[in-house]
């Protein structure tokens, strides 16, 4: 039975602190973002003190992309 508001979405997490040798891969990804061939789909950006605003926007589905919190 479908649940209202659910759209077969999932959250995937990963842990990179134990990984070594990621420099070349991260450099490649950063270059793709910089040259515009990879779009990270950032819809909202703000200071980490505005986490409530970001969470509200995400939970109410007002954003079409990712929210990025900047550390100050």
C-alpha atoms as a PDB file:
ATOM      1  CA  UNK A   1       0.000   0.000   0.000  1.00  0.00           C
ATOM      2  CA  UNK A   2       1.551   3.377  -1.024  1.00  0.00           C
ATOM      3  CA  UNK A   3       2.204   5.868   1.717  1.00  0.00           C
ATOM      4  CA  UNK A   4       1.292   9.479   0.948  1.00  0.00           C
ATOM      5  CA  UNK A   5       4.375  11.630   0.378  1.00  0.00           C
ATOM      6  CA  UNK A   6       6.752   8.738  -0.329  1.00  0.00           C
ATOM      7  CA  UNK A   7       8.243   8.340  -3.767  1.00  0.00           C
ATOM      8  CA  UNK A   8      10.473   5.263  -3.511  1.00  0.00           C
ATOM      9  CA  UNK A   9      13.441   7.409  -2.485  1.00  0.00           C
ATOM     10  CA  UNK A  10      16.360   6.327  -0.367  1.00  0.00           C
ATOM     11  CA  UNK A  11      19.286   7.886   1.434  1.00  0.00           C
ATOM     12  CA  UNK A  12      22.716   6.391   0.826  1.00  0.00           C
ATOM     13  CA  UNK A  13      25.587   7.133   3.170  1.00  0.00           C
ATOM     14  CA  UNK A  14      29.267   6.286   3.020  1.00  0.00           C
ATOM     15  CA  UNK A  15      32.305   6.634   5.257  1.00  0.00           C
ATOM     16  CA  UNK A  16      35.545   7.854   3.679  1.00  0.00           C
ATOM     17  CA  UNK A  17      37.843   8.491   6.642  1.00  0.00           C
ATOM     18  CA  UNK A  18      39.355   5.026   6.410  1.00  0.00           C
ATOM     19  CA  UNK A  19      39.923   5.290   2.645  1.00  0.00           C
ATOM     20  CA  UNK A  20      43.271   6.316   1.247  1.00  0.00           C
ATOM     21  CA  UNK A  21      44.261   7.367  -2.233  1.00  0.00           C
ATOM     22  CA  UNK A  22      41.101   9.341  -2.960  1.00  0.00           C
ATOM     23  CA  UNK A  23      43.021  12.417  -4.116  1.00  0.00           C
ATOM     24  CA  UNK A  24      42.976  11.630  -7.842  1.00  0.00           C
ATOM     25  CA  UNK A  25      39.251  10.779  -7.811  1.00  0.00           C
ATOM     26  CA  UNK A  26      38.299  13.890  -5.840  1.00  0.00           C
ATOM     27  CA  UNK A  27      40.489  16.016  -8.111  1.00  0.00           C
ATOM     28  CA  UNK A  28      38.713  14.577 -11.153  1.00  0.00           C
ATOM     29  CA  UNK A  29      35.270  15.275  -9.635  1.00  0.00           C
ATOM     30  CA  UNK A  30      36.224  18.831  -8.643  1.00  0.00           C
ATOM     31  CA  UNK A  31      37.491  19.502 -12.160  1.00  0.00           C
ATOM     32  CA  UNK A  32      34.194  18.290 -13.673  1.00  0.00           C
ATOM     33  CA  UNK A  33      32.236  20.627 -11.372  1.00  0.00           C
ATOM     34  CA  UNK A  34      34.604  23.510 -12.155  1.00  0.00           C
ATOM     35  CA  UNK A  35      34.340  23.073 -15.930  1.00  0.00           C
ATOM     36  CA  UNK A  36      30.566  22.657 -15.796  1.00  0.00           C
ATOM     37  CA  UNK A  37      30.308  19.079 -17.067  1.00  0.00           C
ATOM     38  CA  UNK A  38      29.050  17.874 -13.664  1.00  0.00           C
ATOM     39  CA  UNK A  39      26.235  19.754 -11.941  1.00  0.00           C
ATOM     40  CA  UNK A  40      25.986  19.056  -8.197  1.00  0.00           C
ATOM     41  CA  UNK A  41      22.404  20.455  -8.213  1.00  0.00           C
ATOM     42  CA  UNK A  42      22.796  22.798  -5.258  1.00  0.00           C
ATOM     43  CA  UNK A  43      19.478  24.547  -4.687  1.00  0.00           C
ATOM     44  CA  UNK A  44      20.206  26.249  -1.358  1.00  0.00           C
ATOM     45  CA  UNK A  45      23.381  27.456   0.328  1.00  0.00           C
ATOM     46  CA  UNK A  46      23.755  29.104   3.723  1.00  0.00           C
ATOM     47  CA  UNK A  47      25.640  29.290   6.996  1.00  0.00           C
ATOM     48  CA  UNK A  48      25.436  26.235   9.239  1.00  0.00           C
ATOM     49  CA  UNK A  49      23.568  28.321  11.834  1.00  0.00           C
ATOM     50  CA  UNK A  50      20.628  28.260   9.375  1.00  0.00           C
ATOM     51  CA  UNK A  51      20.341  24.463   9.465  1.00  0.00           C
ATOM     52  CA  UNK A  52      16.705  24.772  10.553  1.00  0.00           C
ATOM     53  CA  UNK A  53      15.859  26.815   7.474  1.00  0.00           C
ATOM     54  CA  UNK A  54      17.614  24.303   5.217  1.00  0.00           C
ATOM     55  CA  UNK A  55      15.943  21.317   6.883  1.00  0.00           C
ATOM     56  CA  UNK A  56      12.526  22.959   6.639  1.00  0.00           C
ATOM     57  CA  UNK A  57      13.021  23.689   2.933  1.00  0.00           C
ATOM     58  CA  UNK A  58      14.117  20.103   2.267  1.00  0.00           C
ATOM     59  CA  UNK A  59      11.397  18.465   4.344  1.00  0.00           C
ATOM     60  CA  UNK A  60       8.668  20.600   2.791  1.00  0.00           C
ATOM     61  CA  UNK A  61      10.073  19.754  -0.661  1.00  0.00           C
ATOM     62  CA  UNK A  62      10.570  23.389  -1.667  1.00  0.00           C
ATOM     63  CA  UNK A  63      14.050  22.646  -3.041  1.00  0.00           C
ATOM     64  CA  UNK A  64      14.841  20.916  -6.313  1.00  0.00           C
ATOM     65  CA  UNK A  65      18.389  19.889  -5.387  1.00  0.00           C
ATOM     66  CA  UNK A  66      20.786  19.776  -2.473  1.00  0.00           C
ATOM     67  CA  UNK A  67      21.203  22.098   0.501  1.00  0.00           C
ATOM     68  CA  UNK A  68      24.791  23.008   1.415  1.00  0.00           C
ATOM     69  CA  UNK A  69      25.695  24.272   4.880  1.00  0.00           C
ATOM     70  CA  UNK A  70      28.820  26.437   5.042  1.00  0.00           C
ATOM     71  CA  UNK A  71      30.994  26.322   8.162  1.00  0.00           C
ATOM     72  CA  UNK A  72      32.098  29.694   9.455  1.00  0.00           C
END
